[in-house]
Amino acid sequence: MSDTEAVFYHSPNTRSSSVLILLEELDAPYTLRDLNFRIGAQRDPDYLAVNPLGKVPAILHNGALVTELGAIFIYLADAFPQRKLAPEIGDPLRGPYLRWLVFYGSAFEPAVMDRYMKKEPPRSMSPYGDFEDVMGLINKQLAAGPYLLGARFTAADILWATALRWTTGFGLVPMSPEISAYIERVGVRPCVARVAETDKQLLKVHEAAAAKG
């Protein structure tokens, strides 16, 4: 696929921070369009034309609009293969890789939000079983480590390490030795620190703009 520059819509300290880390890890050319949530920029008509739900992240690349976190990760890692962050089709790891990227949105996030909202859907109707099942599966996979696919680091690790860092930090997910070691292992990558600094600087700009009214 072409390495044409991607347009990346982002707001600091949101789910889209993981995509920014991925773009940096991929060494992909991109233009960052930051949205100041503090002044409601995500509801501006120009951005609603990109994503009518007013959510980030979103990317435009080679004429394609991609939203939804899992889809963006799959798309970008395939579109910029030079860093080999996605197993290719035919690789035995391709299936497990896709499984973990999709499991994030289909099971992990719903389980975390239901727990936070104190909702317990009937197990027969739940898309994920129950919260303990989800966390047990994650911890078991990480225990076999060092990464989700064993020795191979992939885009899925960027997604999951970022998500686990935020959810444990806010007390939404219980910290375990496996999760702690995993967050630390991925967190030492240089791209993580660079994105943290970028978000810090963007946040200052956004807060200043909001203070001005």
N, C-alpha and C. Protein backbone atom coordinates (compact mmCIF):
# COMPACT_ATOMS: atom_id res chain seq x y z
N MET A 1 0.84 -1.19 0.00
CA MET A 1 0.00 0.00 0.00
C MET A 1 0.88 1.25 0.00
N SER A 2 0.33 2.36 -0.44
CA SER A 2 1.09 3.60 -0.53
C SER A 2 1.46 4.14 0.84
N ASP A 3 2.61 4.84 0.88
CA ASP A 3 3.00 5.49 2.13
C ASP A 3 2.59 6.96 2.12
N THR A 4 1.56 7.29 1.32
CA THR A 4 1.03 8.65 1.30
C THR A 4 0.71 9.10 2.72
N GLU A 5 0.97 10.38 2.98
CA GLU A 5 0.78 10.91 4.32
C GLU A 5 -0.66 10.74 4.79
N ALA A 6 -0.81 10.29 6.03
CA ALA A 6 -2.13 10.14 6.64
C ALA A 6 -2.49 11.42 7.38
N VAL A 7 -3.77 11.75 7.39
CA VAL A 7 -4.28 12.84 8.22
C VAL A 7 -4.88 12.20 9.46
N PHE A 8 -4.37 12.59 10.60
CA PHE A 8 -4.74 11.95 11.86
C PHE A 8 -5.43 12.95 12.78
N TYR A 9 -6.66 12.65 13.16
CA TYR A 9 -7.45 13.49 14.06
C TYR A 9 -7.29 12.96 15.49
N HIS A 10 -6.88 13.86 16.38
CA HIS A 10 -6.42 13.44 17.69
C HIS A 10 -6.79 14.46 18.75
N SER A 11 -7.01 13.98 19.96
CA SER A 11 -7.11 14.86 21.12
C SER A 11 -6.26 14.23 22.22
N PRO A 12 -5.48 15.04 22.93
CA PRO A 12 -4.53 14.47 23.90
C PRO A 12 -5.23 13.74 25.05
N ASN A 13 -4.54 12.71 25.52
CA ASN A 13 -5.01 11.92 26.67
C ASN A 13 -6.37 11.29 26.41
N THR A 14 -6.56 10.80 25.21
CA THR A 14 -7.75 10.05 24.85
C THR A 14 -7.31 8.73 24.22
N ARG A 15 -8.28 7.95 23.78
CA ARG A 15 -7.94 6.69 23.11
C ARG A 15 -7.03 6.90 21.91
N SER A 16 -7.12 8.08 21.30
CA SER A 16 -6.32 8.29 20.10
C SER A 16 -4.83 8.41 20.39
N SER A 17 -4.46 8.56 21.66
CA SER A 17 -3.03 8.61 21.99
C SER A 17 -2.33 7.31 21.58
N SER A 18 -3.04 6.19 21.69
CA SER A 18 -2.42 4.92 21.28
C SER A 18 -2.15 4.89 19.79
N VAL A 19 -3.02 5.53 19.00
CA VAL A 19 -2.79 5.60 17.55
C VAL A 19 -1.58 6.48 17.24
N LEU A 20 -1.42 7.54 18.00
CA LEU A 20 -0.25 8.40 17.79
C LEU A 20 1.04 7.62 18.08
N ILE A 21 1.02 6.80 19.13
CA ILE A 21 2.19 5.94 19.40
C ILE A 21 2.42 4.99 18.23
N LEU A 22 1.34 4.42 17.70
CA LEU A 22 1.48 3.50 16.58
C LEU A 22 2.06 4.20 15.36
N LEU A 23 1.58 5.38 15.04
CA LEU A 23 2.12 6.12 13.89
C LEU A 23 3.61 6.38 14.06
N GLU A 24 4.02 6.72 15.27
CA GLU A 24 5.43 6.96 15.53
C GLU A 24 6.24 5.66 15.41
N GLU A 25 5.71 4.58 15.95
CA GLU A 25 6.40 3.28 15.86
C GLU A 25 6.54 2.84 14.41
N LEU A 26 5.54 3.14 13.60
CA LEU A 26 5.56 2.75 12.20
C LEU A 26 6.44 3.65 11.35
N ASP A 27 6.86 4.78 11.93
CA ASP A 27 7.58 5.79 11.17
C ASP A 27 6.77 6.20 9.95
N ALA A 28 5.47 6.33 10.15
CA ALA A 28 4.54 6.65 9.06
C ALA A 28 4.42 8.17 8.90
N PRO A 29 4.37 8.65 7.68
CA PRO A 29 4.17 10.10 7.47
C PRO A 29 2.73 10.47 7.81
N TYR A 30 2.56 11.52 8.60
CA TYR A 30 1.20 11.92 8.97
C TYR A 30 1.16 13.40 9.30
N THR A 31 -0.03 13.95 9.16
CA THR A 31 -0.33 15.30 9.60
C THR A 31 -1.30 15.20 10.76
N LEU A 32 -0.94 15.82 11.88
CA LEU A 32 -1.78 15.75 13.07
C LEU A 32 -2.76 16.92 13.09
N ARG A 33 -4.03 16.60 13.21
CA ARG A 33 -5.08 17.61 13.38
C ARG A 33 -5.64 17.42 14.79
N ASP A 34 -5.21 18.30 15.70
CA ASP A 34 -5.66 18.11 17.07
C ASP A 34 -6.98 18.84 17.32
N LEU A 35 -7.85 18.19 18.07
CA LEU A 35 -9.17 18.72 18.41
C LEU A 35 -9.21 19.05 19.89
N ASN A 36 -9.59 20.27 20.20
CA ASN A 36 -9.65 20.70 21.59
C ASN A 36 -11.02 20.35 22.16
N PHE A 37 -11.06 19.23 22.88
CA PHE A 37 -12.33 18.80 23.47
C PHE A 37 -12.83 19.78 24.51
N ARG A 38 -11.94 20.55 25.10
CA ARG A 38 -12.33 21.48 26.16
C ARG A 38 -13.17 22.64 25.64
N ILE A 39 -13.11 22.89 24.35
CA ILE A 39 -13.96 23.92 23.78
C ILE A 39 -14.96 23.31 22.79
N GLY A 40 -15.11 21.99 22.84
CA GLY A 40 -16.11 21.31 22.02
C GLY A 40 -15.79 21.20 20.55
N ALA A 41 -14.50 21.20 20.21
CA ALA A 41 -14.12 21.14 18.78
C ALA A 41 -14.59 19.86 18.10
N GLN A 42 -14.80 18.82 18.89
CA GLN A 42 -15.25 17.55 18.30
C GLN A 42 -16.69 17.64 17.79
N ARG A 43 -17.40 18.70 18.14
CA ARG A 43 -18.78 18.89 17.67
C ARG A 43 -18.86 19.93 16.56
N ASP A 44 -17.72 20.47 16.14
CA ASP A 44 -17.73 21.41 15.03
C ASP A 44 -18.22 20.71 13.76
N PRO A 45 -18.99 21.42 12.93
CA PRO A 45 -19.49 20.79 11.70
C PRO A 45 -18.39 20.20 10.82
N ASP A 46 -17.23 20.87 10.76
CA ASP A 46 -16.15 20.36 9.91
C ASP A 46 -15.70 18.98 10.37
N TYR A 47 -15.62 18.79 11.70
CA TYR A 47 -15.20 17.47 12.16
C TYR A 47 -16.34 16.45 12.11
N LEU A 48 -17.55 16.90 12.34
CA LEU A 48 -18.68 15.96 12.24
C LEU A 48 -18.84 15.45 10.82
N ALA A 49 -18.33 16.19 9.86
CA ALA A 49 -18.33 15.70 8.48
C ALA A 49 -17.34 14.56 8.31
N VAL A 50 -16.32 14.52 9.18
CA VAL A 50 -15.35 13.42 9.17
C VAL A 50 -15.90 12.25 9.97
N ASN A 51 -16.30 12.51 11.19
CA ASN A 51 -16.89 11.47 12.04
C ASN A 51 -18.14 12.04 12.68
N PRO A 52 -19.32 11.65 12.20
CA PRO A 52 -20.57 12.19 12.72
C PRO A 52 -20.79 11.93 14.21
N LEU A 53 -20.06 10.98 14.77
CA LEU A 53 -20.18 10.71 16.20
C LEU A 53 -19.32 11.64 17.04
N GLY A 54 -18.47 12.43 16.39
CA GLY A 54 -17.64 13.38 17.12
C GLY A 54 -16.60 12.72 18.00
N LYS A 55 -16.13 11.54 17.59
CA LYS A 55 -15.13 10.81 18.37
C LYS A 55 -13.77 10.86 17.69
N VAL A 56 -12.74 10.70 18.49
CA VAL A 56 -11.40 10.42 17.96
C VAL A 56 -11.00 9.05 18.47
N PRO A 57 -10.11 8.39 17.76
CA PRO A 57 -9.35 8.84 16.59
C PRO A 57 -10.11 8.66 15.29
N ALA A 58 -9.58 9.32 14.26
CA ALA A 58 -10.02 9.09 12.89
C ALA A 58 -8.82 9.38 12.00
N ILE A 59 -8.74 8.68 10.89
CA ILE A 59 -7.66 8.93 9.94
C ILE A 59 -8.22 8.98 8.53
N LEU A 60 -7.55 9.78 7.70
CA LEU A 60 -7.80 9.81 6.27
C LEU A 60 -6.49 9.41 5.60
N HIS A 61 -6.57 8.41 4.73
CA HIS A 61 -5.36 7.93 4.07
C HIS A 61 -5.71 7.37 2.71
N ASN A 62 -5.05 7.88 1.69
CA ASN A 62 -5.30 7.42 0.31
C ASN A 62 -6.79 7.46 -0.04
N GLY A 63 -7.48 8.49 0.43
CA GLY A 63 -8.89 8.65 0.12
C GLY A 63 -9.82 7.84 1.00
N ALA A 64 -9.26 7.06 1.91
CA ALA A 64 -10.08 6.23 2.79
C ALA A 64 -10.21 6.88 4.16
N LEU A 65 -11.43 6.91 4.67
CA LEU A 65 -11.69 7.35 6.04
C LEU A 65 -11.82 6.12 6.92
N VAL A 66 -11.06 6.09 8.01
CA VAL A 66 -11.14 4.97 8.94
C VAL A 66 -11.37 5.53 10.34
N THR A 67 -12.41 5.04 11.00
CA THR A 67 -12.67 5.34 12.39
C THR A 67 -12.70 4.01 13.15
N GLU A 68 -12.91 4.08 14.45
CA GLU A 68 -12.94 2.94 15.37
C GLU A 68 -11.52 2.43 15.59
N LEU A 69 -11.18 2.37 16.87
CA LEU A 69 -9.80 2.13 17.26
C LEU A 69 -9.21 0.85 16.68
N GLY A 70 -9.94 -0.26 16.81
CA GLY A 70 -9.43 -1.52 16.31
C GLY A 70 -9.21 -1.49 14.81
N ALA A 71 -10.14 -0.89 14.08
CA ALA A 71 -10.03 -0.82 12.62
C ALA A 71 -8.82 0.03 12.22
N ILE A 72 -8.58 1.12 12.94
CA ILE A 72 -7.45 1.98 12.62
C ILE A 72 -6.13 1.24 12.85
N PHE A 73 -6.05 0.50 13.93
CA PHE A 73 -4.83 -0.27 14.19
C PHE A 73 -4.58 -1.29 13.09
N ILE A 74 -5.61 -2.02 12.71
CA ILE A 74 -5.45 -3.02 11.65
C ILE A 74 -5.02 -2.34 10.36
N TYR A 75 -5.68 -1.24 10.03
CA TYR A 75 -5.40 -0.55 8.77
C TYR A 75 -3.97 -0.02 8.73
N LEU A 76 -3.58 0.71 9.76
CA LEU A 76 -2.27 1.37 9.73
C LEU A 76 -1.11 0.37 9.72
N ALA A 77 -1.20 -0.65 10.55
CA ALA A 77 -0.10 -1.62 10.60
C ALA A 77 0.07 -2.35 9.28
N ASP A 78 -1.04 -2.54 8.55
CA ASP A 78 -0.96 -3.15 7.22
C ASP A 78 -0.52 -2.14 6.16
N ALA A 79 -0.93 -0.88 6.32
CA ALA A 79 -0.63 0.14 5.31
C ALA A 79 0.84 0.53 5.32
N PHE A 80 1.48 0.41 6.49
CA PHE A 80 2.88 0.78 6.63
C PHE A 80 3.66 -0.42 7.19
N PRO A 81 3.96 -1.38 6.33
CA PRO A 81 4.51 -2.66 6.79
C PRO A 81 6.00 -2.66 7.09
N GLN A 82 6.66 -1.52 6.91
CA GLN A 82 8.12 -1.53 7.01
C GLN A 82 8.64 -1.91 8.39
N ARG A 83 7.86 -1.65 9.43
CA ARG A 83 8.30 -1.99 10.79
C ARG A 83 7.80 -3.36 11.25
N LYS A 84 7.04 -4.03 10.40
CA LYS A 84 6.59 -5.41 10.66
C LYS A 84 5.83 -5.52 11.99
N LEU A 85 4.91 -4.60 12.20
CA LEU A 85 4.10 -4.63 13.43
C LEU A 85 2.82 -5.43 13.28
N ALA A 86 2.61 -6.02 12.09
CA ALA A 86 1.44 -6.87 11.87
C ALA A 86 1.88 -8.14 11.15
N PRO A 87 1.55 -9.30 11.68
CA PRO A 87 1.82 -10.53 10.94
C PRO A 87 1.07 -10.51 9.61
N GLU A 88 1.71 -10.95 8.57
CA GLU A 88 1.08 -10.96 7.26
C GLU A 88 0.06 -12.08 7.14
N ILE A 89 -0.87 -11.92 6.19
CA ILE A 89 -1.81 -13.00 5.90
C ILE A 89 -1.01 -14.24 5.51
N GLY A 90 -1.36 -15.36 6.10
CA GLY A 90 -0.60 -16.59 5.89
C GLY A 90 0.32 -16.91 7.04
N ASP A 91 0.69 -15.91 7.80
CA ASP A 91 1.50 -16.12 9.01
C ASP A 91 0.59 -16.73 10.09
N PRO A 92 1.01 -17.79 10.77
CA PRO A 92 0.17 -18.40 11.81
C PRO A 92 -0.22 -17.43 12.93
N LEU A 93 0.54 -16.36 13.08
CA LEU A 93 0.22 -15.39 14.13
C LEU A 93 -0.83 -14.37 13.69
N ARG A 94 -1.19 -14.37 12.40
CA ARG A 94 -2.15 -13.38 11.92
C ARG A 94 -3.50 -13.49 12.63
N GLY A 95 -3.99 -14.69 12.78
CA GLY A 95 -5.28 -14.89 13.44
C GLY A 95 -5.27 -14.43 14.89
N PRO A 96 -4.31 -14.91 15.71
CA PRO A 96 -4.24 -14.42 17.09
C PRO A 96 -4.07 -12.91 17.19
N TYR A 97 -3.30 -12.35 16.28
CA TYR A 97 -3.10 -10.89 16.25
C TYR A 97 -4.44 -10.16 16.07
N LEU A 98 -5.21 -10.58 15.06
CA LEU A 98 -6.51 -9.96 14.82
C LEU A 98 -7.46 -10.22 15.98
N ARG A 99 -7.38 -11.40 16.54
CA ARG A 99 -8.23 -11.73 17.68
C ARG A 99 -8.05 -10.74 18.81
N TRP A 100 -6.80 -10.44 19.15
CA TRP A 100 -6.56 -9.55 20.28
C TRP A 100 -6.90 -8.10 19.96
N LEU A 101 -6.72 -7.68 18.74
CA LEU A 101 -7.11 -6.32 18.37
C LEU A 101 -8.63 -6.16 18.46
N VAL A 102 -9.36 -7.15 18.00
CA VAL A 102 -10.83 -7.06 18.02
C VAL A 102 -11.39 -7.31 19.41
N PHE A 103 -10.74 -8.18 20.18
CA PHE A 103 -11.18 -8.48 21.54
C PHE A 103 -11.21 -7.22 22.40
N TYR A 104 -10.31 -6.30 22.13
CA TYR A 104 -10.27 -5.06 22.90
C TYR A 104 -11.63 -4.35 22.85
N GLY A 105 -12.15 -4.13 21.64
CA GLY A 105 -13.39 -3.39 21.50
C GLY A 105 -14.64 -4.21 21.72
N SER A 106 -14.56 -5.50 21.44
CA SER A 106 -15.76 -6.33 21.52
C SER A 106 -16.01 -6.89 22.92
N ALA A 107 -14.96 -7.02 23.72
CA ALA A 107 -15.11 -7.63 25.04
C ALA A 107 -14.55 -6.77 26.16
N PHE A 108 -13.29 -6.32 26.01
CA PHE A 108 -12.64 -5.61 27.12
C PHE A 108 -13.35 -4.30 27.47
N GLU A 109 -13.53 -3.43 26.49
CA GLU A 109 -14.17 -2.14 26.79
C GLU A 109 -15.60 -2.31 27.31
N PRO A 110 -16.44 -3.16 26.70
CA PRO A 110 -17.77 -3.35 27.27
C PRO A 110 -17.73 -3.89 28.70
N ALA A 111 -16.81 -4.80 28.97
CA ALA A 111 -16.72 -5.35 30.32
C ALA A 111 -16.31 -4.29 31.33
N VAL A 112 -15.35 -3.45 30.95
CA VAL A 112 -14.88 -2.40 31.85
C VAL A 112 -15.99 -1.38 32.10
N MET A 113 -16.68 -0.98 31.05
CA MET A 113 -17.73 0.02 31.22
C MET A 113 -18.91 -0.52 32.00
N ASP A 114 -19.28 -1.77 31.77
CA ASP A 114 -20.37 -2.36 32.56
C ASP A 114 -19.99 -2.42 34.03
N ARG A 115 -18.75 -2.78 34.31
CA ARG A 115 -18.29 -2.82 35.70
C ARG A 115 -18.33 -1.41 36.31
N TYR A 116 -17.88 -0.44 35.56
CA TYR A 116 -17.87 0.94 36.05
C TYR A 116 -19.29 1.44 36.32
N MET A 117 -20.23 1.10 35.43
CA MET A 117 -21.62 1.54 35.58
C MET A 117 -22.43 0.65 36.51
N LYS A 118 -21.74 -0.37 37.08
CA LYS A 118 -22.40 -1.32 37.98
C LYS A 118 -23.55 -2.06 37.30
N LYS A 119 -23.31 -2.41 36.05
CA LYS A 119 -24.28 -3.19 35.28
C LYS A 119 -23.77 -4.62 35.14
N GLU A 120 -24.63 -5.58 35.33
CA GLU A 120 -24.27 -6.98 35.15
C GLU A 120 -25.26 -7.61 34.18
N PRO A 121 -24.95 -7.55 32.89
CA PRO A 121 -25.87 -8.15 31.92
C PRO A 121 -25.95 -9.66 32.11
N PRO A 122 -27.11 -10.25 31.84
CA PRO A 122 -27.21 -11.71 31.94
C PRO A 122 -26.11 -12.37 31.11
N ARG A 123 -25.48 -13.37 31.70
CA ARG A 123 -24.34 -14.00 31.03
C ARG A 123 -24.71 -14.50 29.63
N SER A 124 -25.94 -14.99 29.48
CA SER A 124 -26.36 -15.53 28.18
C SER A 124 -26.49 -14.45 27.12
N MET A 125 -26.59 -13.18 27.54
CA MET A 125 -26.75 -12.07 26.60
C MET A 125 -25.51 -11.20 26.53
N SER A 126 -24.53 -11.47 27.37
CA SER A 126 -23.35 -10.64 27.41
C SER A 126 -22.42 -10.95 26.23
N PRO A 127 -21.85 -9.91 25.61
CA PRO A 127 -20.91 -10.17 24.51
C PRO A 127 -19.54 -10.63 24.98
N TYR A 128 -19.33 -10.69 26.31
CA TYR A 128 -18.00 -11.01 26.81
C TYR A 128 -18.00 -12.02 27.94
N GLY A 129 -19.11 -12.56 28.34
CA GLY A 129 -19.15 -13.45 29.50
C GLY A 129 -19.30 -12.63 30.75
N ASP A 130 -18.24 -12.52 31.54
CA ASP A 130 -18.26 -11.59 32.66
C ASP A 130 -16.88 -10.97 32.82
N PHE A 131 -16.79 -9.97 33.67
CA PHE A 131 -15.56 -9.19 33.83
C PHE A 131 -14.40 -10.07 34.26
N GLU A 132 -14.66 -10.98 35.21
CA GLU A 132 -13.58 -11.85 35.70
C GLU A 132 -13.05 -12.75 34.59
N ASP A 133 -13.94 -13.23 33.72
CA ASP A 133 -13.50 -14.05 32.59
C ASP A 133 -12.55 -13.26 31.69
N VAL A 134 -12.93 -12.02 31.40
CA VAL A 134 -12.13 -11.18 30.51
C VAL A 134 -10.75 -10.93 31.12
N MET A 135 -10.72 -10.53 32.38
CA MET A 135 -9.44 -10.23 33.01
C MET A 135 -8.59 -11.49 33.21
N GLY A 136 -9.24 -12.59 33.48
CA GLY A 136 -8.50 -13.85 33.61
C GLY A 136 -7.82 -14.24 32.32
N LEU A 137 -8.53 -14.03 31.20
CA LEU A 137 -7.95 -14.36 29.90
C LEU A 137 -6.77 -13.45 29.57
N ILE A 138 -6.92 -12.16 29.86
CA ILE A 138 -5.84 -11.21 29.59
C ILE A 138 -4.61 -11.55 30.42
N ASN A 139 -4.81 -11.77 31.70
CA ASN A 139 -3.66 -12.06 32.57
C ASN A 139 -2.98 -13.37 32.19
N LYS A 140 -3.75 -14.36 31.79
CA LYS A 140 -3.17 -15.63 31.36
C LYS A 140 -2.31 -15.43 30.11
N GLN A 141 -2.81 -14.62 29.16
CA GLN A 141 -2.06 -14.38 27.94
C GLN A 141 -0.77 -13.61 28.22
N LEU A 142 -0.85 -12.62 29.10
CA LEU A 142 0.33 -11.83 29.42
C LEU A 142 1.35 -12.64 30.22
N ALA A 143 0.89 -13.58 31.01
CA ALA A 143 1.80 -14.41 31.81
C ALA A 143 2.71 -15.24 30.91
N ALA A 144 2.21 -15.57 29.71
CA ALA A 144 3.01 -16.37 28.78
C ALA A 144 4.01 -15.50 28.03
N GLY A 145 3.81 -14.20 28.00
CA GLY A 145 4.57 -13.11 27.42
C GLY A 145 5.85 -13.47 26.66
N PRO A 146 6.70 -12.48 26.47
CA PRO A 146 6.61 -11.14 27.06
C PRO A 146 5.56 -10.23 26.43
N TYR A 147 5.07 -10.60 25.23
CA TYR A 147 4.04 -9.81 24.56
C TYR A 147 2.82 -10.67 24.32
N LEU A 148 1.78 -10.07 23.76
CA LEU A 148 0.54 -10.82 23.55
C LEU A 148 0.75 -12.03 22.64
N LEU A 149 1.66 -11.90 21.68
CA LEU A 149 1.93 -13.01 20.76
C LEU A 149 3.25 -13.68 21.10
N GLY A 150 3.58 -13.70 22.37
CA GLY A 150 4.82 -14.34 22.78
C GLY A 150 6.01 -13.41 22.61
N ALA A 151 7.00 -13.86 21.87
CA ALA A 151 8.23 -13.07 21.71
C ALA A 151 8.05 -11.92 20.73
N ARG A 152 7.00 -11.94 19.93
CA ARG A 152 6.86 -10.94 18.87
C ARG A 152 6.06 -9.74 19.34
N PHE A 153 6.65 -8.56 19.22
CA PHE A 153 5.99 -7.29 19.51
C PHE A 153 5.19 -6.86 18.28
N THR A 154 3.92 -6.50 18.49
CA THR A 154 3.07 -6.09 17.37
C THR A 154 2.28 -4.84 17.74
N ALA A 155 1.53 -4.34 16.78
CA ALA A 155 0.66 -3.19 17.01
C ALA A 155 -0.33 -3.47 18.13
N ALA A 156 -0.73 -4.73 18.29
CA ALA A 156 -1.68 -5.07 19.35
C ALA A 156 -1.13 -4.71 20.73
N ASP A 157 0.16 -4.82 20.90
CA ASP A 157 0.76 -4.49 22.20
C ASP A 157 0.67 -2.99 22.49
N ILE A 158 0.77 -2.17 21.47
CA ILE A 158 0.62 -0.73 21.67
C ILE A 158 -0.79 -0.42 22.14
N LEU A 159 -1.77 -1.02 21.49
CA LEU A 159 -3.16 -0.81 21.88
C LEU A 159 -3.40 -1.25 23.32
N TRP A 160 -2.99 -2.46 23.63
CA TRP A 160 -3.31 -3.04 24.93
C TRP A 160 -2.52 -2.42 26.08
N ALA A 161 -1.25 -2.15 25.87
CA ALA A 161 -0.47 -1.56 26.95
C ALA A 161 -0.98 -0.18 27.30
N THR A 162 -1.36 0.59 26.27
CA THR A 162 -1.91 1.92 26.51
C THR A 162 -3.23 1.83 27.25
N ALA A 163 -4.10 0.94 26.80
CA ALA A 163 -5.41 0.78 27.44
C ALA A 163 -5.28 0.31 28.88
N LEU A 164 -4.40 -0.63 29.12
CA LEU A 164 -4.23 -1.15 30.48
C LEU A 164 -3.59 -0.11 31.39
N ARG A 165 -2.70 0.70 30.84
CA ARG A 165 -2.11 1.77 31.66
C ARG A 165 -3.18 2.75 32.13
N TRP A 166 -4.08 3.14 31.23
CA TRP A 166 -5.12 4.08 31.60
C TRP A 166 -6.14 3.45 32.54
N THR A 167 -6.59 2.25 32.23
CA THR A 167 -7.67 1.65 33.03
C THR A 167 -7.21 1.25 34.42
N THR A 168 -5.97 0.80 34.54
CA THR A 168 -5.46 0.51 35.88
C THR A 168 -5.19 1.81 36.64
N GLY A 169 -4.74 2.82 35.92
CA GLY A 169 -4.45 4.10 36.55
C GLY A 169 -5.68 4.75 37.15
N PHE A 170 -6.82 4.53 36.51
CA PHE A 170 -8.07 5.09 37.01
C PHE A 170 -8.83 4.11 37.90
N GLY A 171 -8.21 2.98 38.20
CA GLY A 171 -8.85 2.01 39.08
C GLY A 171 -9.99 1.24 38.46
N LEU A 172 -10.09 1.26 37.13
CA LEU A 172 -11.16 0.54 36.45
C LEU A 172 -10.84 -0.93 36.28
N VAL A 173 -9.56 -1.24 36.27
CA VAL A 173 -9.07 -2.60 36.09
C VAL A 173 -8.07 -2.88 37.21
N PRO A 174 -8.18 -4.03 37.87
CA PRO A 174 -7.22 -4.33 38.94
C PRO A 174 -5.82 -4.59 38.39
N MET A 175 -4.85 -3.98 39.04
CA MET A 175 -3.46 -4.21 38.65
C MET A 175 -3.06 -5.61 39.08
N SER A 176 -2.31 -6.28 38.23
CA SER A 176 -1.76 -7.60 38.55
C SER A 176 -0.29 -7.57 38.21
N PRO A 177 0.51 -8.52 38.72
CA PRO A 177 1.93 -8.55 38.35
C PRO A 177 2.14 -8.65 36.84
N GLU A 178 1.27 -9.42 36.18
CA GLU A 178 1.40 -9.59 34.73
C GLU A 178 1.14 -8.28 34.00
N ILE A 179 0.08 -7.58 34.40
CA ILE A 179 -0.26 -6.31 33.75
C ILE A 179 0.80 -5.26 34.04
N SER A 180 1.25 -5.18 35.29
CA SER A 180 2.26 -4.20 35.66
C SER A 180 3.54 -4.37 34.85
N ALA A 181 4.01 -5.62 34.74
CA ALA A 181 5.24 -5.88 33.99
C ALA A 181 5.06 -5.57 32.52
N TYR A 182 3.89 -5.86 31.99
CA TYR A 182 3.60 -5.61 30.57
C TYR A 182 3.57 -4.11 30.27
N ILE A 183 2.88 -3.34 31.12
CA ILE A 183 2.84 -1.89 30.93
C ILE A 183 4.25 -1.31 30.96
N GLU A 184 5.06 -1.76 31.90
CA GLU A 184 6.42 -1.27 32.01
C GLU A 184 7.25 -1.66 30.80
N ARG A 185 7.07 -2.89 30.33
CA ARG A 185 7.86 -3.40 29.21
C ARG A 185 7.60 -2.58 27.94
N VAL A 186 6.33 -2.33 27.66
CA VAL A 186 5.99 -1.55 26.47
C VAL A 186 6.27 -0.07 26.69
N GLY A 187 6.10 0.39 27.92
CA GLY A 187 6.24 1.81 28.22
C GLY A 187 7.63 2.37 28.06
N VAL A 188 8.65 1.52 28.04
CA VAL A 188 10.02 2.02 27.89
C VAL A 188 10.38 2.30 26.43
N ARG A 189 9.51 1.97 25.51
CA ARG A 189 9.80 2.24 24.10
C ARG A 189 9.84 3.75 23.89
N PRO A 190 10.79 4.26 23.13
CA PRO A 190 10.95 5.71 22.96
C PRO A 190 9.70 6.42 22.45
N CYS A 191 8.94 5.76 21.59
CA CYS A 191 7.74 6.40 21.04
C CYS A 191 6.72 6.74 22.11
N VAL A 192 6.68 5.94 23.16
CA VAL A 192 5.71 6.19 24.23
C VAL A 192 6.04 7.50 24.93
N ALA A 193 7.30 7.73 25.22
CA ALA A 193 7.71 8.97 25.87
C ALA A 193 7.50 10.17 24.95
N ARG A 194 7.77 10.00 23.66
CA ARG A 194 7.58 11.11 22.72
C ARG A 194 6.11 11.53 22.65
N VAL A 195 5.23 10.55 22.61
CA VAL A 195 3.80 10.86 22.53
C VAL A 195 3.31 11.48 23.84
N ALA A 196 3.81 11.00 24.95
CA ALA A 196 3.43 11.60 26.23
C ALA A 196 3.80 13.07 26.27
N GLU A 197 4.97 13.42 25.75
CA GLU A 197 5.39 14.82 25.71
C GLU A 197 4.52 15.62 24.74
N THR A 198 4.21 15.04 23.59
CA THR A 198 3.33 15.71 22.62
C THR A 198 1.98 16.00 23.25
N ASP A 199 1.41 15.00 23.91
CA ASP A 199 0.10 15.19 24.56
C ASP A 199 0.18 16.25 25.66
N LYS A 200 1.27 16.26 26.39
CA LYS A 200 1.45 17.24 27.47
C LYS A 200 1.43 18.66 26.90
N GLN A 201 2.14 18.86 25.80
CA GLN A 201 2.20 20.19 25.20
C GLN A 201 0.86 20.58 24.58
N LEU A 202 0.21 19.64 23.92
CA LEU A 202 -1.11 19.92 23.34
C LEU A 202 -2.12 20.27 24.43
N LEU A 203 -2.05 19.55 25.52
CA LEU A 203 -2.98 19.79 26.61
C LEU A 203 -2.82 21.20 27.17
N LYS A 204 -1.60 21.67 27.27
CA LYS A 204 -1.37 23.03 27.75
C LYS A 204 -2.03 24.04 26.82
N VAL A 205 -1.87 23.84 25.52
CA VAL A 205 -2.48 24.74 24.54
C VAL A 205 -3.99 24.69 24.65
N HIS A 206 -4.55 23.52 24.78
CA HIS A 206 -6.00 23.36 24.85
C HIS A 206 -6.54 24.02 26.11
N GLU A 207 -5.87 23.82 27.23
CA GLU A 207 -6.32 24.40 28.49
C GLU A 207 -6.26 25.92 28.43
N ALA A 208 -5.23 26.46 27.80
CA ALA A 208 -5.12 27.91 27.68
C ALA A 208 -6.25 28.48 26.82
N ALA A 209 -6.57 27.78 25.75
CA ALA A 209 -7.66 28.23 24.87
C ALA A 209 -9.00 28.17 25.60
N ALA A 210 -9.19 27.13 26.39
CA ALA A 210 -10.44 27.00 27.14
C ALA A 210 -10.57 28.09 28.20
N ALA A 211 -9.44 28.44 28.82
CA ALA A 211 -9.45 29.47 29.86
C ALA A 211 -9.81 30.83 29.31
N LYS A 212 -9.48 31.07 28.05
CA LYS A 212 -9.82 32.34 27.42
C LYS A 212 -11.29 32.43 27.08
N GLY A 213 -11.96 31.28 27.13
CA GLY A 213 -13.40 31.26 26.81
C GLY A 213 -13.65 31.31 25.33
